[in-house]
Amino acid sequence: MTFQLDTTGDVGPMPAGPMNERFLKWSDLSPFTQGYVEALFGAHFITRLAFDMLAPETLARIIADCEARSARLLSVYCDKRGGHEFWEARQIGEAPSDFPPLTVQLGDDGKVRFA
């Protein structure tokens, strides 16, 4: 499936932590995290595909998981393709056990969340 993710919006304010009270733009994400988000959206048919559809707590979880996973990888695998592969491996149960598959939901507010 070919799709175009709209990356012009922002997500926030972010929940408590180092990102608190900040709105994050696509360019604030690492290439690994960008690839992960692209794979998430590409795997789920959503009429409008846009970065700003992520709920702040969802993006915070994505960033934390991507940072934890990429810290264990050789830097050569920390590009967008690595993020795509992490999402795909996670969803089929082939990622390390501390990264179980996630259920993606679209809330009543139109924000993407994990169940």
N, C-alpha and C. Protein backbone atom coordinates (compact mmCIF):
# COMPACT_ATOMS: atom_id res chain seq x y z
N MET A 1 0.85 -1.18 0.00
CA MET A 1 0.00 0.00 0.00
C MET A 1 0.89 1.24 0.00
N THR A 2 0.63 2.12 -0.92
CA THR A 2 1.37 3.37 -0.96
C THR A 2 0.49 4.45 -0.33
N PHE A 3 1.06 5.23 0.53
CA PHE A 3 0.34 6.30 1.17
C PHE A 3 1.27 7.47 1.39
N GLN A 4 0.67 8.61 1.65
CA GLN A 4 1.45 9.80 1.94
C GLN A 4 1.04 10.30 3.30
N LEU A 5 1.96 10.28 4.23
CA LEU A 5 1.70 10.76 5.58
C LEU A 5 1.91 12.26 5.63
N ASP A 6 0.90 12.98 6.08
CA ASP A 6 1.00 14.43 6.25
C ASP A 6 1.80 14.69 7.52
N THR A 7 2.97 15.28 7.39
CA THR A 7 3.85 15.52 8.53
C THR A 7 3.92 16.99 8.92
N THR A 8 2.95 17.79 8.49
CA THR A 8 3.02 19.23 8.73
C THR A 8 2.52 19.66 10.11
N GLY A 9 1.71 18.85 10.77
CA GLY A 9 1.16 19.24 12.07
C GLY A 9 2.12 18.97 13.20
N ASP A 10 1.60 19.13 14.42
CA ASP A 10 2.39 18.80 15.61
C ASP A 10 1.52 18.05 16.60
N VAL A 11 2.15 17.46 17.61
CA VAL A 11 1.46 16.68 18.62
C VAL A 11 1.82 17.24 19.99
N GLY A 12 0.82 17.41 20.83
CA GLY A 12 1.11 17.89 22.17
C GLY A 12 -0.09 18.57 22.79
N PRO A 13 0.07 19.10 23.99
CA PRO A 13 1.31 19.04 24.74
C PRO A 13 1.61 17.62 25.19
N MET A 14 2.88 17.31 25.28
CA MET A 14 3.31 15.98 25.66
C MET A 14 3.05 15.76 27.15
N PRO A 15 2.83 14.49 27.54
CA PRO A 15 2.59 14.19 28.95
C PRO A 15 3.83 14.44 29.81
N ALA A 16 3.65 14.32 31.11
CA ALA A 16 4.72 14.59 32.07
C ALA A 16 6.03 13.91 31.70
N GLY A 17 7.11 14.58 31.97
CA GLY A 17 8.43 14.06 31.66
C GLY A 17 9.26 15.14 31.00
N PRO A 18 10.36 14.75 30.40
CA PRO A 18 11.26 15.75 29.80
C PRO A 18 10.62 16.51 28.64
N MET A 19 9.57 15.94 28.04
CA MET A 19 8.92 16.61 26.91
C MET A 19 7.70 17.42 27.35
N ASN A 20 7.44 17.50 28.66
CA ASN A 20 6.26 18.14 29.20
C ASN A 20 6.06 19.55 28.65
N GLU A 21 4.81 19.83 28.33
CA GLU A 21 4.41 21.15 27.85
C GLU A 21 4.99 21.52 26.48
N ARG A 22 5.52 20.55 25.78
CA ARG A 22 6.05 20.82 24.45
C ARG A 22 5.15 20.21 23.39
N PHE A 23 5.09 20.87 22.27
CA PHE A 23 4.45 20.31 21.09
C PHE A 23 5.59 19.83 20.20
N LEU A 24 5.49 18.61 19.72
CA LEU A 24 6.55 18.05 18.89
C LEU A 24 6.17 18.07 17.42
N LYS A 25 7.11 18.42 16.61
CA LYS A 25 6.97 18.40 15.16
C LYS A 25 7.62 17.14 14.63
N TRP A 26 7.28 16.78 13.40
CA TRP A 26 7.85 15.61 12.75
C TRP A 26 9.38 15.66 12.79
N SER A 27 9.92 16.84 12.54
CA SER A 27 11.38 17.00 12.49
C SER A 27 12.04 16.80 13.85
N ASP A 28 11.27 16.81 14.94
CA ASP A 28 11.83 16.56 16.27
C ASP A 28 12.12 15.07 16.51
N LEU A 29 11.55 14.22 15.67
CA LEU A 29 11.70 12.78 15.85
C LEU A 29 12.96 12.28 15.16
N SER A 30 13.56 11.24 15.73
CA SER A 30 14.71 10.60 15.09
C SER A 30 14.25 9.88 13.82
N PRO A 31 15.15 9.63 12.87
CA PRO A 31 14.76 8.87 11.68
C PRO A 31 14.15 7.51 12.04
N PHE A 32 14.68 6.83 13.05
CA PHE A 32 14.15 5.54 13.49
C PHE A 32 12.69 5.68 13.91
N THR A 33 12.40 6.70 14.73
CA THR A 33 11.04 6.93 15.19
C THR A 33 10.13 7.34 14.04
N GLN A 34 10.63 8.14 13.11
CA GLN A 34 9.83 8.50 11.94
C GLN A 34 9.45 7.25 11.14
N GLY A 35 10.39 6.35 10.96
CA GLY A 35 10.10 5.11 10.24
C GLY A 35 9.06 4.27 10.96
N TYR A 36 9.14 4.22 12.27
CA TYR A 36 8.18 3.46 13.09
C TYR A 36 6.78 4.04 12.92
N VAL A 37 6.66 5.37 12.99
CA VAL A 37 5.35 6.02 12.84
C VAL A 37 4.81 5.79 11.42
N GLU A 38 5.66 5.89 10.42
CA GLU A 38 5.22 5.64 9.04
C GLU A 38 4.68 4.22 8.91
N ALA A 39 5.37 3.24 9.49
CA ALA A 39 4.93 1.84 9.42
C ALA A 39 3.61 1.65 10.15
N LEU A 40 3.45 2.31 11.31
CA LEU A 40 2.21 2.22 12.07
C LEU A 40 1.05 2.70 11.21
N PHE A 41 1.18 3.88 10.62
CA PHE A 41 0.10 4.42 9.80
C PHE A 41 -0.11 3.60 8.53
N GLY A 42 0.97 3.12 7.93
CA GLY A 42 0.85 2.33 6.72
C GLY A 42 0.18 0.99 6.94
N ALA A 43 0.26 0.47 8.17
CA ALA A 43 -0.33 -0.83 8.48
C ALA A 43 -1.82 -0.73 8.83
N HIS A 44 -2.31 0.45 9.07
CA HIS A 44 -3.70 0.63 9.49
C HIS A 44 -4.38 1.62 8.57
N PHE A 45 -5.45 1.17 7.94
CA PHE A 45 -6.16 2.06 7.04
C PHE A 45 -6.90 3.10 7.85
N ILE A 46 -6.49 4.32 7.68
CA ILE A 46 -7.14 5.46 8.31
C ILE A 46 -7.38 6.45 7.18
N THR A 47 -8.58 7.00 7.10
CA THR A 47 -8.93 7.87 5.98
C THR A 47 -7.94 9.01 5.82
N ARG A 48 -7.63 9.69 6.88
CA ARG A 48 -6.67 10.80 6.84
C ARG A 48 -5.41 10.33 7.54
N LEU A 49 -4.30 10.39 6.87
CA LEU A 49 -3.04 9.96 7.46
C LEU A 49 -2.21 11.18 7.79
N ALA A 50 -2.14 11.51 9.08
CA ALA A 50 -1.42 12.71 9.49
C ALA A 50 -0.76 12.51 10.84
N PHE A 51 0.46 12.99 10.95
CA PHE A 51 1.23 12.92 12.19
C PHE A 51 0.45 13.49 13.37
N ASP A 52 -0.29 14.58 13.15
CA ASP A 52 -0.99 15.22 14.26
C ASP A 52 -2.21 14.43 14.74
N MET A 53 -2.46 13.26 14.15
CA MET A 53 -3.52 12.38 14.63
C MET A 53 -3.08 11.57 15.84
N LEU A 54 -1.78 11.54 16.13
CA LEU A 54 -1.30 10.79 17.28
C LEU A 54 -1.66 11.51 18.58
N ALA A 55 -2.23 10.78 19.52
CA ALA A 55 -2.47 11.35 20.85
C ALA A 55 -1.11 11.59 21.50
N PRO A 56 -0.96 12.64 22.30
CA PRO A 56 0.33 12.91 22.94
C PRO A 56 0.90 11.73 23.71
N GLU A 57 0.05 11.00 24.44
CA GLU A 57 0.56 9.86 25.20
C GLU A 57 1.01 8.72 24.28
N THR A 58 0.39 8.62 23.11
CA THR A 58 0.80 7.62 22.13
C THR A 58 2.18 7.96 21.58
N LEU A 59 2.38 9.22 21.22
CA LEU A 59 3.68 9.63 20.71
C LEU A 59 4.76 9.47 21.78
N ALA A 60 4.43 9.79 23.03
CA ALA A 60 5.41 9.62 24.11
C ALA A 60 5.81 8.15 24.24
N ARG A 61 4.85 7.24 24.13
CA ARG A 61 5.15 5.80 24.19
C ARG A 61 6.00 5.38 23.00
N ILE A 62 5.67 5.88 21.81
CA ILE A 62 6.44 5.55 20.61
C ILE A 62 7.88 5.99 20.76
N ILE A 63 8.08 7.22 21.20
CA ILE A 63 9.45 7.75 21.37
C ILE A 63 10.22 6.92 22.39
N ALA A 64 9.60 6.63 23.53
CA ALA A 64 10.28 5.84 24.56
C ALA A 64 10.64 4.45 24.05
N ASP A 65 9.71 3.80 23.37
CA ASP A 65 9.98 2.46 22.85
C ASP A 65 11.05 2.49 21.77
N CYS A 66 11.01 3.47 20.88
CA CYS A 66 12.01 3.56 19.82
C CYS A 66 13.39 3.87 20.39
N GLU A 67 13.46 4.74 21.39
CA GLU A 67 14.75 5.03 22.01
C GLU A 67 15.31 3.80 22.70
N ALA A 68 14.45 3.06 23.40
CA ALA A 68 14.89 1.84 24.09
C ALA A 68 15.36 0.79 23.10
N ARG A 69 14.63 0.62 22.01
CA ARG A 69 15.00 -0.40 21.02
C ARG A 69 16.25 0.00 20.26
N SER A 70 16.31 1.25 19.79
CA SER A 70 17.46 1.67 18.98
C SER A 70 18.75 1.70 19.80
N ALA A 71 18.64 1.87 21.13
CA ALA A 71 19.82 1.86 21.99
C ALA A 71 20.50 0.50 21.98
N ARG A 72 19.77 -0.54 21.65
CA ARG A 72 20.30 -1.90 21.61
C ARG A 72 20.79 -2.31 20.23
N LEU A 73 20.63 -1.44 19.26
CA LEU A 73 21.00 -1.77 17.88
C LEU A 73 22.29 -1.09 17.47
N LEU A 74 22.94 -1.66 16.49
CA LEU A 74 24.07 -0.97 15.86
C LEU A 74 23.53 0.27 15.17
N SER A 75 24.26 1.35 15.17
CA SER A 75 23.76 2.61 14.62
C SER A 75 23.33 2.50 13.16
N VAL A 76 23.90 1.56 12.42
CA VAL A 76 23.54 1.39 11.02
C VAL A 76 22.07 0.98 10.87
N TYR A 77 21.47 0.40 11.91
CA TYR A 77 20.07 -0.03 11.85
C TYR A 77 19.10 1.00 12.45
N CYS A 78 19.59 2.17 12.80
CA CYS A 78 18.77 3.19 13.46
C CYS A 78 18.26 4.24 12.49
N ASP A 79 18.01 3.83 11.25
CA ASP A 79 17.47 4.74 10.26
C ASP A 79 15.97 4.49 10.11
N LYS A 80 15.33 5.14 9.13
CA LYS A 80 13.89 4.96 8.94
C LYS A 80 13.53 3.50 8.69
N ARG A 81 14.34 2.81 7.88
CA ARG A 81 14.05 1.41 7.58
C ARG A 81 14.07 0.57 8.88
N GLY A 82 15.00 0.87 9.78
CA GLY A 82 15.05 0.18 11.06
C GLY A 82 13.79 0.39 11.87
N GLY A 83 13.25 1.61 11.85
CA GLY A 83 11.99 1.89 12.54
C GLY A 83 10.83 1.11 11.94
N HIS A 84 10.79 1.06 10.59
CA HIS A 84 9.75 0.26 9.92
C HIS A 84 9.85 -1.19 10.37
N GLU A 85 11.07 -1.73 10.34
CA GLU A 85 11.27 -3.13 10.69
C GLU A 85 10.91 -3.41 12.15
N PHE A 86 11.20 -2.46 13.04
CA PHE A 86 10.84 -2.63 14.44
C PHE A 86 9.32 -2.74 14.59
N TRP A 87 8.57 -1.83 13.96
CA TRP A 87 7.10 -1.89 14.04
C TRP A 87 6.60 -3.23 13.51
N GLU A 88 7.09 -3.62 12.35
CA GLU A 88 6.62 -4.86 11.73
C GLU A 88 6.95 -6.08 12.59
N ALA A 89 8.18 -6.15 13.11
CA ALA A 89 8.58 -7.27 13.96
C ALA A 89 7.75 -7.30 15.25
N ARG A 90 7.50 -6.14 15.81
CA ARG A 90 6.71 -6.05 17.03
C ARG A 90 5.30 -6.60 16.81
N GLN A 91 4.71 -6.21 15.72
CA GLN A 91 3.32 -6.58 15.47
C GLN A 91 3.15 -8.07 15.17
N ILE A 92 4.19 -8.74 14.71
CA ILE A 92 4.07 -10.18 14.46
C ILE A 92 4.73 -11.00 15.57
N GLY A 93 5.10 -10.34 16.65
CA GLY A 93 5.64 -11.02 17.82
C GLY A 93 7.09 -11.45 17.70
N GLU A 94 7.85 -10.82 16.80
CA GLU A 94 9.25 -11.18 16.61
C GLU A 94 10.23 -10.17 17.21
N ALA A 95 9.72 -9.16 17.93
CA ALA A 95 10.59 -8.21 18.62
C ALA A 95 10.91 -8.80 19.99
N PRO A 96 11.92 -8.26 20.69
CA PRO A 96 12.20 -8.73 22.05
C PRO A 96 10.92 -8.71 22.90
N SER A 97 10.85 -9.58 23.89
CA SER A 97 9.63 -9.76 24.68
C SER A 97 9.15 -8.51 25.41
N ASP A 98 10.04 -7.55 25.64
CA ASP A 98 9.58 -6.32 26.31
C ASP A 98 8.91 -5.35 25.33
N PHE A 99 8.73 -5.76 24.07
CA PHE A 99 8.02 -4.98 23.07
C PHE A 99 6.91 -5.84 22.46
N PRO A 100 5.85 -6.11 23.23
CA PRO A 100 4.76 -6.95 22.71
C PRO A 100 3.98 -6.21 21.63
N PRO A 101 3.21 -6.97 20.82
CA PRO A 101 2.36 -6.31 19.81
C PRO A 101 1.42 -5.30 20.45
N LEU A 102 1.07 -4.29 19.69
CA LEU A 102 0.18 -3.23 20.17
C LEU A 102 -1.12 -3.24 19.38
N THR A 103 -2.20 -2.89 20.04
CA THR A 103 -3.49 -2.72 19.39
C THR A 103 -3.69 -1.23 19.16
N VAL A 104 -3.90 -0.85 17.92
CA VAL A 104 -4.07 0.55 17.55
C VAL A 104 -5.56 0.86 17.47
N GLN A 105 -5.95 1.98 18.09
CA GLN A 105 -7.34 2.40 18.08
C GLN A 105 -7.44 3.86 17.66
N LEU A 106 -8.54 4.18 17.01
CA LEU A 106 -8.84 5.57 16.68
C LEU A 106 -9.93 6.01 17.64
N GLY A 107 -9.61 6.95 18.52
CA GLY A 107 -10.55 7.41 19.53
C GLY A 107 -11.65 8.28 18.95
N ASP A 108 -12.65 8.54 19.77
CA ASP A 108 -13.76 9.40 19.36
C ASP A 108 -13.28 10.78 18.98
N ASP A 109 -12.14 11.19 19.52
CA ASP A 109 -11.59 12.51 19.21
C ASP A 109 -10.73 12.51 17.94
N GLY A 110 -10.66 11.35 17.27
CA GLY A 110 -9.88 11.24 16.04
C GLY A 110 -8.40 11.04 16.26
N LYS A 111 -7.99 10.78 17.51
CA LYS A 111 -6.59 10.58 17.85
C LYS A 111 -6.26 9.11 17.91
N VAL A 112 -5.08 8.75 17.43
CA VAL A 112 -4.59 7.37 17.43
C VAL A 112 -4.00 7.06 18.80
N ARG A 113 -4.48 5.94 19.37
CA ARG A 113 -4.03 5.51 20.69
C ARG A 113 -3.74 4.02 20.66
N PHE A 114 -2.99 3.54 21.64
CA PHE A 114 -2.78 2.11 21.83
C PHE A 114 -3.74 1.64 22.92
N ALA A 115 -4.35 0.47 22.70
CA ALA A 115 -5.29 -0.09 23.70
C ALA A 115 -4.51 -0.69 24.85
